[in-house]
Amino acid sequence: MITLYHAPRSRSSRIIWLLEELGVPYKIELTSIVRGDGTGAPAPDSYARIHPFKKVPAIDHDGAVVYESAGIVLYLTDAFPKAGIGPKVGDPKRADYVRWLFFYPSILEPSAAARFRGWDKEQTTGFGKFEDVEATIAHALEAQPYILGEEFSAADILYGSVCQFFKGNLFPARKCYDDYLARLTARPAYIRAIAKDNG
């Protein structure tokens, strides 16, 4: 059984979507967090055994604990390959899948944080210029319906949630984002996940 440690309307919401796409049994353990605006409350100290910084998402899969969205996506799609939303080792799309999964936490999130806080105004950052990072994502979605091409993958769960969050602030208005979000939010698993977001 998979336990998802979850705070409503947070990064862990997309892991509910992932679990719905995988079609595997899971339960949601609601977890308090301190949000970016200072609201909320910290998780109890006992939760540090699951996540050392007491953040979400995190999962416990029969004693195997994984946290951080990209790590959870890779772990679960490898653990449940029959769902077909994570290319297996040996699949020609595997390299693109892994690259996009780790582009998200290694380049996109840090460059977005730098832009939000104005850290990149005086000097460049090691992870790239935010405009170039955003353009890389837009270029992929202008050329194809999903991040990996013609078919949906779990990488789209990461990028779809980012497009929702950044659209209208960090991400400029682009038809490719509108079309991408329309495809993703029409998925039955996404609709089920939204209904379960509050636990």
N, C-alpha and C. Protein backbone atom coordinates (compact mmCIF):
# COMPACT_ATOMS: atom_id res chain seq x y z
N MET A 1 0.85 -1.20 0.00
CA MET A 1 0.00 0.00 0.00
C MET A 1 0.89 1.24 0.00
N ILE A 2 0.43 2.25 -0.71
CA ILE A 2 1.13 3.53 -0.77
C ILE A 2 0.41 4.52 0.13
N THR A 3 1.16 5.19 0.98
CA THR A 3 0.63 6.32 1.76
C THR A 3 1.23 7.58 1.18
N LEU A 4 0.37 8.51 0.81
CA LEU A 4 0.81 9.82 0.34
C LEU A 4 0.63 10.82 1.47
N TYR A 5 1.70 11.48 1.85
CA TYR A 5 1.64 12.56 2.83
C TYR A 5 1.34 13.84 2.05
N HIS A 6 0.22 14.45 2.38
CA HIS A 6 -0.38 15.45 1.49
C HIS A 6 -0.92 16.65 2.26
N ALA A 7 -0.70 17.81 1.69
CA ALA A 7 -1.35 19.04 2.15
C ALA A 7 -2.19 19.55 0.98
N PRO A 8 -3.47 19.83 1.19
CA PRO A 8 -4.31 20.28 0.08
C PRO A 8 -3.74 21.52 -0.62
N ARG A 9 -3.94 21.55 -1.94
CA ARG A 9 -3.52 22.67 -2.77
C ARG A 9 -2.03 22.99 -2.59
N SER A 10 -1.24 21.95 -2.69
CA SER A 10 0.21 22.09 -2.59
C SER A 10 0.86 21.23 -3.67
N ARG A 11 2.17 21.14 -3.65
CA ARG A 11 2.87 20.30 -4.62
C ARG A 11 2.45 18.83 -4.53
N SER A 12 1.94 18.42 -3.39
CA SER A 12 1.52 17.02 -3.26
C SER A 12 0.23 16.72 -4.00
N SER A 13 -0.51 17.76 -4.39
CA SER A 13 -1.75 17.54 -5.15
C SER A 13 -1.47 16.80 -6.45
N ARG A 14 -0.35 17.12 -7.08
CA ARG A 14 -0.03 16.46 -8.34
C ARG A 14 0.30 14.99 -8.15
N ILE A 15 0.70 14.60 -6.95
CA ILE A 15 0.99 13.18 -6.72
C ILE A 15 -0.32 12.39 -6.60
N ILE A 16 -1.38 13.03 -6.11
CA ILE A 16 -2.70 12.37 -6.18
C ILE A 16 -3.03 12.09 -7.64
N TRP A 17 -2.80 13.07 -8.50
CA TRP A 17 -3.05 12.89 -9.93
C TRP A 17 -2.23 11.72 -10.47
N LEU A 18 -0.95 11.68 -10.11
CA LEU A 18 -0.09 10.58 -10.56
C LEU A 18 -0.65 9.23 -10.10
N LEU A 19 -1.04 9.14 -8.84
CA LEU A 19 -1.56 7.89 -8.31
C LEU A 19 -2.85 7.48 -9.01
N GLU A 20 -3.69 8.46 -9.34
CA GLU A 20 -4.91 8.16 -10.09
C GLU A 20 -4.58 7.67 -11.49
N GLU A 21 -3.59 8.25 -12.13
CA GLU A 21 -3.17 7.79 -13.46
C GLU A 21 -2.63 6.37 -13.39
N LEU A 22 -1.90 6.04 -12.33
CA LEU A 22 -1.33 4.71 -12.18
C LEU A 22 -2.39 3.66 -11.85
N GLY A 23 -3.49 4.10 -11.22
CA GLY A 23 -4.56 3.17 -10.88
C GLY A 23 -4.18 2.17 -9.80
N VAL A 24 -3.35 2.60 -8.84
CA VAL A 24 -2.91 1.71 -7.77
C VAL A 24 -3.56 2.12 -6.45
N PRO A 25 -3.69 1.17 -5.51
CA PRO A 25 -4.28 1.51 -4.21
C PRO A 25 -3.37 2.47 -3.43
N TYR A 26 -3.98 3.44 -2.79
CA TYR A 26 -3.21 4.38 -1.96
C TYR A 26 -4.14 4.99 -0.93
N LYS A 27 -3.53 5.55 0.09
CA LYS A 27 -4.29 6.32 1.07
C LYS A 27 -3.59 7.67 1.26
N ILE A 28 -4.37 8.64 1.64
CA ILE A 28 -3.86 10.00 1.85
C ILE A 28 -3.77 10.27 3.35
N GLU A 29 -2.59 10.72 3.77
CA GLU A 29 -2.38 11.14 5.16
C GLU A 29 -2.22 12.66 5.14
N LEU A 30 -3.23 13.36 5.62
CA LEU A 30 -3.16 14.82 5.63
C LEU A 30 -2.06 15.28 6.57
N THR A 31 -1.26 16.22 6.08
CA THR A 31 -0.08 16.68 6.80
C THR A 31 -0.06 18.20 6.79
N SER A 32 0.08 18.80 7.94
CA SER A 32 0.16 20.26 8.00
C SER A 32 1.54 20.71 7.53
N ILE A 33 1.58 21.86 6.89
CA ILE A 33 2.84 22.45 6.42
C ILE A 33 2.79 23.96 6.63
N VAL A 34 3.95 24.57 6.67
CA VAL A 34 4.03 26.03 6.62
C VAL A 34 4.15 26.39 5.15
N ARG A 35 3.24 27.23 4.67
CA ARG A 35 3.21 27.59 3.26
C ARG A 35 4.12 28.79 2.98
N GLY A 36 4.34 29.04 1.69
CA GLY A 36 5.25 30.10 1.28
C GLY A 36 4.89 31.47 1.81
N ASP A 37 3.59 31.71 2.06
CA ASP A 37 3.17 33.02 2.57
C ASP A 37 3.17 33.07 4.10
N GLY A 38 3.67 32.01 4.73
CA GLY A 38 3.76 31.99 6.19
C GLY A 38 2.54 31.40 6.89
N THR A 39 1.47 31.11 6.13
CA THR A 39 0.29 30.52 6.76
C THR A 39 0.51 29.03 6.99
N GLY A 40 -0.41 28.44 7.73
CA GLY A 40 -0.30 27.02 8.03
C GLY A 40 0.46 26.79 9.32
N ALA A 41 0.78 25.54 9.56
CA ALA A 41 1.48 25.16 10.78
C ALA A 41 2.45 24.04 10.44
N PRO A 42 3.57 23.97 11.14
CA PRO A 42 4.52 22.89 10.83
C PRO A 42 3.95 21.52 11.17
N ALA A 43 4.38 20.54 10.43
CA ALA A 43 4.03 19.16 10.74
C ALA A 43 4.64 18.79 12.08
N PRO A 44 4.06 17.80 12.77
CA PRO A 44 4.65 17.39 14.05
C PRO A 44 6.07 16.85 13.86
N ASP A 45 6.85 16.91 14.92
CA ASP A 45 8.24 16.45 14.84
C ASP A 45 8.34 15.00 14.39
N SER A 46 7.34 14.20 14.69
CA SER A 46 7.37 12.78 14.30
C SER A 46 7.41 12.61 12.79
N TYR A 47 6.91 13.61 12.05
CA TYR A 47 6.89 13.52 10.59
C TYR A 47 8.30 13.61 9.99
N ALA A 48 9.26 14.12 10.75
CA ALA A 48 10.64 14.22 10.25
C ALA A 48 11.22 12.85 9.90
N ARG A 49 10.62 11.75 10.40
CA ARG A 49 11.09 10.42 10.01
C ARG A 49 10.73 10.12 8.55
N ILE A 50 9.72 10.84 8.03
CA ILE A 50 9.31 10.69 6.63
C ILE A 50 10.03 11.71 5.76
N HIS A 51 9.99 12.97 6.16
CA HIS A 51 10.66 14.03 5.41
C HIS A 51 11.45 14.88 6.39
N PRO A 52 12.77 14.96 6.24
CA PRO A 52 13.58 15.66 7.24
C PRO A 52 13.25 17.14 7.39
N PHE A 53 12.66 17.75 6.34
CA PHE A 53 12.29 19.17 6.42
C PHE A 53 10.80 19.35 6.64
N LYS A 54 10.09 18.23 6.88
CA LYS A 54 8.66 18.23 7.18
C LYS A 54 7.83 18.92 6.09
N LYS A 55 8.17 18.56 4.85
CA LYS A 55 7.46 19.10 3.69
C LYS A 55 6.69 17.98 2.99
N VAL A 56 5.88 18.37 2.02
CA VAL A 56 5.17 17.41 1.16
C VAL A 56 5.51 17.76 -0.29
N PRO A 57 5.40 16.80 -1.19
CA PRO A 57 4.91 15.44 -1.03
C PRO A 57 5.98 14.48 -0.52
N ALA A 58 5.49 13.41 0.08
CA ALA A 58 6.33 12.27 0.41
C ALA A 58 5.42 11.05 0.33
N ILE A 59 6.00 9.92 0.02
CA ILE A 59 5.24 8.67 0.00
C ILE A 59 5.97 7.62 0.83
N ASP A 60 5.19 6.70 1.35
CA ASP A 60 5.71 5.49 1.99
C ASP A 60 5.06 4.33 1.24
N HIS A 61 5.88 3.58 0.53
CA HIS A 61 5.40 2.43 -0.24
C HIS A 61 5.91 1.17 0.44
N ASP A 62 5.09 0.60 1.31
CA ASP A 62 5.48 -0.61 2.04
C ASP A 62 6.84 -0.46 2.71
N GLY A 63 7.08 0.70 3.32
CA GLY A 63 8.33 0.93 4.05
C GLY A 63 9.39 1.67 3.26
N ALA A 64 9.25 1.78 1.95
CA ALA A 64 10.18 2.56 1.13
C ALA A 64 9.68 4.00 1.10
N VAL A 65 10.46 4.92 1.64
CA VAL A 65 10.07 6.33 1.71
C VAL A 65 10.76 7.11 0.60
N VAL A 66 9.97 7.88 -0.13
CA VAL A 66 10.51 8.73 -1.20
C VAL A 66 9.87 10.11 -1.05
N TYR A 67 10.68 11.15 -1.17
CA TYR A 67 10.13 12.50 -1.20
C TYR A 67 10.76 13.26 -2.34
N GLU A 68 10.18 14.41 -2.65
CA GLU A 68 10.48 15.27 -3.79
C GLU A 68 9.73 14.74 -5.02
N SER A 69 9.02 15.66 -5.67
CA SER A 69 8.10 15.27 -6.74
C SER A 69 8.74 14.46 -7.86
N ALA A 70 9.86 14.93 -8.39
CA ALA A 70 10.48 14.21 -9.51
C ALA A 70 10.93 12.81 -9.09
N GLY A 71 11.46 12.69 -7.88
CA GLY A 71 11.86 11.39 -7.37
C GLY A 71 10.68 10.45 -7.21
N ILE A 72 9.56 10.99 -6.71
CA ILE A 72 8.35 10.18 -6.55
C ILE A 72 7.82 9.73 -7.90
N VAL A 73 7.82 10.64 -8.87
CA VAL A 73 7.34 10.29 -10.22
C VAL A 73 8.18 9.15 -10.79
N LEU A 74 9.49 9.28 -10.73
CA LEU A 74 10.36 8.23 -11.29
C LEU A 74 10.18 6.92 -10.53
N TYR A 75 10.16 6.98 -9.21
CA TYR A 75 10.02 5.77 -8.41
C TYR A 75 8.71 5.05 -8.73
N LEU A 76 7.60 5.77 -8.74
CA LEU A 76 6.30 5.13 -8.92
C LEU A 76 6.09 4.63 -10.35
N THR A 77 6.56 5.37 -11.34
CA THR A 77 6.37 4.87 -12.71
C THR A 77 7.27 3.66 -12.98
N ASP A 78 8.41 3.59 -12.31
CA ASP A 78 9.24 2.38 -12.42
C ASP A 78 8.60 1.22 -11.64
N ALA A 79 7.98 1.52 -10.49
CA ALA A 79 7.38 0.47 -9.66
C ALA A 79 6.11 -0.10 -10.30
N PHE A 80 5.42 0.73 -11.09
CA PHE A 80 4.14 0.31 -11.69
C PHE A 80 4.16 0.56 -13.20
N PRO A 81 4.98 -0.19 -13.92
CA PRO A 81 5.16 0.08 -15.35
C PRO A 81 3.95 -0.24 -16.21
N LYS A 82 3.03 -1.07 -15.71
CA LYS A 82 1.89 -1.46 -16.54
C LYS A 82 1.01 -0.28 -16.92
N ALA A 83 1.05 0.78 -16.14
CA ALA A 83 0.24 1.96 -16.46
C ALA A 83 0.72 2.62 -17.75
N GLY A 84 1.98 2.41 -18.12
CA GLY A 84 2.49 2.92 -19.39
C GLY A 84 2.73 4.41 -19.44
N ILE A 85 2.90 5.07 -18.28
CA ILE A 85 3.10 6.53 -18.31
C ILE A 85 4.53 6.94 -17.94
N GLY A 86 5.42 5.96 -17.84
CA GLY A 86 6.83 6.23 -17.61
C GLY A 86 7.66 5.28 -18.44
N PRO A 87 8.34 5.76 -19.48
CA PRO A 87 9.12 4.86 -20.33
C PRO A 87 10.12 4.04 -19.51
N LYS A 88 10.17 2.74 -19.79
CA LYS A 88 11.06 1.83 -19.06
C LYS A 88 12.49 1.94 -19.59
N VAL A 89 13.42 1.43 -18.82
CA VAL A 89 14.81 1.34 -19.28
C VAL A 89 14.82 0.54 -20.58
N GLY A 90 15.50 1.08 -21.59
CA GLY A 90 15.54 0.44 -22.90
C GLY A 90 14.58 1.05 -23.90
N ASP A 91 13.57 1.76 -23.41
CA ASP A 91 12.63 2.46 -24.29
C ASP A 91 13.35 3.69 -24.87
N PRO A 92 13.21 3.94 -26.18
CA PRO A 92 13.88 5.11 -26.76
C PRO A 92 13.49 6.44 -26.12
N LYS A 93 12.31 6.50 -25.49
CA LYS A 93 11.87 7.74 -24.85
C LYS A 93 12.41 7.90 -23.43
N ARG A 94 13.10 6.88 -22.91
CA ARG A 94 13.55 6.93 -21.52
C ARG A 94 14.50 8.10 -21.26
N ALA A 95 15.42 8.36 -22.18
CA ALA A 95 16.37 9.46 -21.97
C ALA A 95 15.64 10.79 -21.88
N ASP A 96 14.69 11.03 -22.79
CA ASP A 96 13.91 12.27 -22.73
C ASP A 96 13.13 12.36 -21.42
N TYR A 97 12.56 11.24 -21.00
CA TYR A 97 11.76 11.21 -19.77
C TYR A 97 12.61 11.61 -18.56
N VAL A 98 13.76 10.97 -18.41
CA VAL A 98 14.63 11.27 -17.27
C VAL A 98 15.14 12.71 -17.35
N ARG A 99 15.49 13.14 -18.55
CA ARG A 99 15.99 14.52 -18.71
C ARG A 99 14.94 15.53 -18.28
N TRP A 100 13.70 15.35 -18.75
CA TRP A 100 12.64 16.29 -18.38
C TRP A 100 12.29 16.21 -16.90
N LEU A 101 12.29 15.00 -16.33
CA LEU A 101 12.00 14.89 -14.89
C LEU A 101 12.98 15.69 -14.07
N PHE A 102 14.26 15.65 -14.43
CA PHE A 102 15.26 16.31 -13.61
C PHE A 102 15.58 17.74 -14.05
N PHE A 103 15.14 18.12 -15.22
CA PHE A 103 15.16 19.53 -15.61
C PHE A 103 14.28 20.33 -14.66
N TYR A 104 13.18 19.71 -14.24
CA TYR A 104 12.21 20.40 -13.38
C TYR A 104 12.84 20.85 -12.05
N PRO A 105 13.40 19.93 -11.20
CA PRO A 105 13.94 20.41 -9.93
C PRO A 105 15.33 21.04 -10.02
N SER A 106 16.08 20.68 -11.06
CA SER A 106 17.46 21.15 -11.15
C SER A 106 17.60 22.50 -11.83
N ILE A 107 16.68 22.81 -12.75
CA ILE A 107 16.80 24.04 -13.53
C ILE A 107 15.56 24.91 -13.41
N LEU A 108 14.38 24.34 -13.66
CA LEU A 108 13.17 25.16 -13.66
C LEU A 108 12.86 25.75 -12.29
N GLU A 109 12.77 24.92 -11.26
CA GLU A 109 12.40 25.45 -9.94
C GLU A 109 13.42 26.45 -9.40
N PRO A 110 14.73 26.17 -9.46
CA PRO A 110 15.67 27.17 -8.94
C PRO A 110 15.66 28.47 -9.74
N SER A 111 15.53 28.38 -11.06
CA SER A 111 15.53 29.61 -11.86
C SER A 111 14.25 30.40 -11.61
N ALA A 112 13.13 29.71 -11.38
CA ALA A 112 11.88 30.39 -11.05
C ALA A 112 11.98 31.06 -9.69
N ALA A 113 12.57 30.37 -8.71
CA ALA A 113 12.74 30.97 -7.37
C ALA A 113 13.63 32.20 -7.45
N ALA A 114 14.70 32.12 -8.25
CA ALA A 114 15.58 33.28 -8.41
C ALA A 114 14.84 34.46 -9.03
N ARG A 115 13.98 34.18 -10.00
CA ARG A 115 13.22 35.24 -10.65
C ARG A 115 12.19 35.83 -9.69
N PHE A 116 11.46 34.99 -8.95
CA PHE A 116 10.47 35.46 -7.98
C PHE A 116 11.10 36.43 -6.98
N ARG A 117 12.31 36.09 -6.53
CA ARG A 117 12.94 36.87 -5.46
C ARG A 117 13.87 37.96 -5.99
N GLY A 118 14.02 38.02 -7.30
CA GLY A 118 14.87 39.05 -7.89
C GLY A 118 16.36 38.78 -7.75
N TRP A 119 16.74 37.54 -7.43
CA TRP A 119 18.15 37.22 -7.26
C TRP A 119 18.92 37.26 -8.57
N ASP A 120 18.22 37.13 -9.69
CA ASP A 120 18.91 37.05 -10.99
C ASP A 120 18.96 38.40 -11.70
N LYS A 121 18.61 39.49 -11.02
CA LYS A 121 18.61 40.81 -11.69
C LYS A 121 20.01 41.38 -11.83
N GLU A 122 20.84 41.16 -10.82
CA GLU A 122 22.18 41.74 -10.82
C GLU A 122 23.21 40.84 -11.49
N GLN A 123 22.98 39.53 -11.42
CA GLN A 123 23.95 38.60 -11.99
C GLN A 123 23.24 37.35 -12.47
N THR A 124 23.90 36.62 -13.33
CA THR A 124 23.31 35.39 -13.83
C THR A 124 23.40 34.30 -12.75
N THR A 125 22.61 33.28 -12.89
CA THR A 125 22.63 32.16 -11.95
C THR A 125 23.22 30.94 -12.65
N GLY A 126 23.63 29.98 -11.85
CA GLY A 126 24.26 28.78 -12.40
C GLY A 126 23.31 27.87 -13.15
N PHE A 127 21.99 28.04 -12.95
CA PHE A 127 21.05 27.13 -13.60
C PHE A 127 20.45 27.71 -14.87
N GLY A 128 20.86 28.87 -15.29
CA GLY A 128 20.39 29.42 -16.55
C GLY A 128 19.44 30.60 -16.38
N LYS A 129 19.31 31.35 -17.45
CA LYS A 129 18.44 32.52 -17.46
C LYS A 129 16.99 32.06 -17.53
N PHE A 130 16.14 32.65 -16.71
CA PHE A 130 14.77 32.17 -16.64
C PHE A 130 14.08 32.22 -18.00
N GLU A 131 14.31 33.27 -18.78
CA GLU A 131 13.67 33.37 -20.10
C GLU A 131 14.05 32.19 -20.99
N ASP A 132 15.30 31.75 -20.90
CA ASP A 132 15.75 30.60 -21.70
C ASP A 132 15.12 29.29 -21.20
N VAL A 133 14.97 29.19 -19.89
CA VAL A 133 14.35 28.00 -19.30
C VAL A 133 12.89 27.90 -19.75
N GLU A 134 12.17 29.01 -19.61
CA GLU A 134 10.75 29.02 -20.02
C GLU A 134 10.62 28.75 -21.51
N ALA A 135 11.49 29.35 -22.31
CA ALA A 135 11.43 29.16 -23.77
C ALA A 135 11.68 27.70 -24.16
N THR A 136 12.51 27.00 -23.40
CA THR A 136 12.77 25.58 -23.66
C THR A 136 11.50 24.76 -23.50
N ILE A 137 10.74 25.06 -22.46
CA ILE A 137 9.47 24.35 -22.23
C ILE A 137 8.46 24.72 -23.32
N ALA A 138 8.35 26.02 -23.61
CA ALA A 138 7.41 26.46 -24.64
C ALA A 138 7.74 25.84 -25.99
N HIS A 139 9.02 25.79 -26.32
CA HIS A 139 9.44 25.22 -27.60
C HIS A 139 8.99 23.76 -27.72
N ALA A 140 9.15 23.00 -26.63
CA ALA A 140 8.73 21.59 -26.64
C ALA A 140 7.23 21.49 -26.87
N LEU A 141 6.46 22.34 -26.20
CA LEU A 141 5.00 22.23 -26.27
C LEU A 141 4.41 22.88 -27.53
N GLU A 142 5.17 23.70 -28.20
CA GLU A 142 4.74 24.23 -29.51
C GLU A 142 4.91 23.17 -30.59
N ALA A 143 5.87 22.26 -30.37
CA ALA A 143 6.19 21.25 -31.39
C ALA A 143 5.38 19.97 -31.25
N GLN A 144 4.81 19.74 -30.06
CA GLN A 144 4.15 18.46 -29.80
C GLN A 144 3.13 18.64 -28.68
N PRO A 145 2.15 17.74 -28.60
CA PRO A 145 1.09 17.94 -27.60
C PRO A 145 1.51 17.69 -26.16
N TYR A 146 2.53 16.86 -25.95
CA TYR A 146 2.98 16.53 -24.60
C TYR A 146 4.50 16.67 -24.53
N ILE A 147 5.03 16.71 -23.32
CA ILE A 147 6.46 16.93 -23.14
C ILE A 147 7.31 15.91 -23.89
N LEU A 148 6.88 14.64 -23.92
CA LEU A 148 7.66 13.62 -24.61
C LEU A 148 7.25 13.40 -26.06
N GLY A 149 6.23 14.10 -26.51
CA GLY A 149 5.80 13.90 -27.90
C GLY A 149 4.30 13.76 -28.03
N GLU A 150 3.88 12.70 -28.69
CA GLU A 150 2.47 12.52 -28.99
C GLU A 150 1.66 11.91 -27.85
N GLU A 151 2.34 11.33 -26.87
CA GLU A 151 1.62 10.62 -25.81
C GLU A 151 1.90 11.22 -24.44
N PHE A 152 0.89 11.19 -23.61
CA PHE A 152 0.98 11.64 -22.22
C PHE A 152 1.96 10.76 -21.45
N SER A 153 2.73 11.39 -20.56
CA SER A 153 3.58 10.65 -19.62
C SER A 153 3.49 11.32 -18.26
N ALA A 154 4.05 10.68 -17.26
CA ALA A 154 4.02 11.26 -15.91
C ALA A 154 4.81 12.57 -15.85
N ALA A 155 5.73 12.80 -16.78
CA ALA A 155 6.42 14.09 -16.80
C ALA A 155 5.43 15.23 -17.02
N ASP A 156 4.35 14.96 -17.72
CA ASP A 156 3.33 16.00 -17.95
C ASP A 156 2.63 16.41 -16.67
N ILE A 157 2.64 15.54 -15.67
CA ILE A 157 2.05 15.90 -14.38
C ILE A 157 2.88 17.01 -13.74
N LEU A 158 4.21 16.90 -13.82
CA LEU A 158 5.06 17.97 -13.30
C LEU A 158 4.88 19.26 -14.08
N TYR A 159 4.97 19.17 -15.40
CA TYR A 159 4.93 20.39 -16.22
C TYR A 159 3.54 20.99 -16.29
N GLY A 160 2.51 20.15 -16.23
CA GLY A 160 1.16 20.69 -16.20
C GLY A 160 0.91 21.49 -14.93
N SER A 161 1.37 20.97 -13.79
CA SER A 161 1.17 21.70 -12.54
C SER A 161 1.97 23.00 -12.53
N VAL A 162 3.14 22.98 -13.12
CA VAL A 162 3.95 24.21 -13.22
C VAL A 162 3.26 25.23 -14.12
N CYS A 163 2.75 24.78 -15.26
CA CYS A 163 2.05 25.71 -16.16
C CYS A 163 0.85 26.33 -15.48
N GLN A 164 0.11 25.54 -14.70
CA GLN A 164 -1.03 26.09 -13.97
C GLN A 164 -0.58 27.16 -12.98
N PHE A 165 0.49 26.88 -12.26
CA PHE A 165 0.94 27.78 -11.19
C PHE A 165 1.58 29.04 -11.75
N PHE A 166 2.36 28.91 -12.83
CA PHE A 166 3.12 30.05 -13.35
C PHE A 166 2.39 30.84 -14.43
N LYS A 167 1.33 30.25 -14.99
CA LYS A 167 0.62 30.93 -16.07
C LYS A 167 0.05 32.25 -15.58
N GLY A 168 0.34 33.33 -16.30
CA GLY A 168 -0.17 34.63 -15.92
C GLY A 168 0.75 35.40 -14.98
N ASN A 169 1.80 34.74 -14.45
CA ASN A 169 2.78 35.49 -13.68
C ASN A 169 4.18 35.28 -14.27
N LEU A 170 4.84 34.17 -13.97
CA LEU A 170 6.18 33.96 -14.52
C LEU A 170 6.16 33.52 -15.98
N PHE A 171 5.17 32.73 -16.36
CA PHE A 171 5.08 32.27 -17.75
C PHE A 171 4.23 33.26 -18.54
N PRO A 172 4.73 33.71 -19.70
CA PRO A 172 3.91 34.60 -20.52
C PRO A 172 2.72 33.86 -21.11
N ALA A 173 1.73 34.62 -21.55
CA ALA A 173 0.57 34.01 -22.21
C ALA A 173 1.04 33.38 -23.51
N ARG A 174 0.76 32.11 -23.67
CA ARG A 174 1.11 31.38 -24.89
C ARG A 174 -0.01 30.39 -25.19
N LYS A 175 -0.35 30.29 -26.46
CA LYS A 175 -1.39 29.33 -26.87
C LYS A 175 -0.98 27.90 -26.52
N CYS A 176 0.31 27.60 -26.63
CA CYS A 176 0.74 26.22 -26.34
C CYS A 176 0.44 25.85 -24.89
N TYR A 177 0.54 26.79 -23.96
CA TYR A 177 0.22 26.49 -22.57
C TYR A 177 -1.29 26.31 -22.38
N ASP A 178 -2.07 27.17 -23.02
CA ASP A 178 -3.53 27.03 -22.93
C ASP A 178 -3.99 25.68 -23.47
N ASP A 179 -3.46 25.30 -24.63
CA ASP A 179 -3.85 24.03 -25.25
C ASP A 179 -3.39 22.84 -24.41
N TYR A 180 -2.19 22.93 -23.89
CA TYR A 180 -1.61 21.87 -23.05
C TYR A 180 -2.47 21.65 -21.80
N LEU A 181 -2.79 22.74 -21.12
CA LEU A 181 -3.60 22.63 -19.90
C LEU A 181 -5.00 22.11 -20.21
N ALA A 182 -5.56 22.50 -21.34
CA ALA A 182 -6.89 21.98 -21.71
C ALA A 182 -6.85 20.47 -21.89
N ARG A 183 -5.79 19.95 -22.53
CA ARG A 183 -5.66 18.50 -22.70
C ARG A 183 -5.50 17.80 -21.35
N LEU A 184 -4.66 18.36 -20.50
CA LEU A 184 -4.36 17.70 -19.23
C LEU A 184 -5.54 17.73 -18.27
N THR A 185 -6.20 18.86 -18.16
CA THR A 185 -7.28 18.98 -17.18
C THR A 185 -8.55 18.25 -17.61
N ALA A 186 -8.60 17.79 -18.85
CA ALA A 186 -9.72 16.97 -19.31
C ALA A 186 -9.53 15.49 -18.99
N ARG A 187 -8.35 15.11 -18.52
CA ARG A 187 -8.08 13.70 -18.24
C ARG A 187 -8.90 13.24 -17.04
N PRO A 188 -9.53 12.07 -17.13
CA PRO A 188 -10.33 11.58 -16.00
C PRO A 188 -9.55 11.48 -14.69
N ALA A 189 -8.29 11.06 -14.76
CA ALA A 189 -7.49 10.93 -13.54
C ALA A 189 -7.26 12.29 -12.90
N TYR A 190 -7.07 13.31 -13.71
CA TYR A 190 -6.90 14.67 -13.17
C TYR A 190 -8.18 15.11 -12.46
N ILE A 191 -9.31 14.86 -13.08
CA ILE A 191 -10.60 15.26 -12.49
C ILE A 191 -10.83 14.53 -11.17
N ARG A 192 -10.51 13.24 -11.13
CA ARG A 192 -10.64 12.48 -9.88
C ARG A 192 -9.71 13.03 -8.81
N ALA A 193 -8.49 13.38 -9.21
CA ALA A 193 -7.51 13.90 -8.25
C ALA A 193 -7.96 15.21 -7.63
N ILE A 194 -8.51 16.09 -8.44
CA ILE A 194 -9.00 17.38 -7.94
C ILE A 194 -10.07 17.14 -6.88
N ALA A 195 -10.94 16.17 -7.11
CA ALA A 195 -12.02 15.87 -6.17
C ALA A 195 -11.48 15.32 -4.85
N LYS A 196 -10.28 14.73 -4.88
CA LYS A 196 -9.70 14.13 -3.67
C LYS A 196 -8.66 15.05 -3.00
N ASP A 197 -8.45 16.21 -3.53
CA ASP A 197 -7.35 17.06 -3.07
C ASP A 197 -7.44 17.42 -1.59
N ASN A 198 -8.61 17.54 -1.05
CA ASN A 198 -8.76 17.88 0.37
C ASN A 198 -8.67 16.66 1.28
N GLY A 199 -8.36 15.52 0.69
CA GLY A 199 -8.18 14.31 1.50
C GLY A 199 -9.42 13.46 1.54
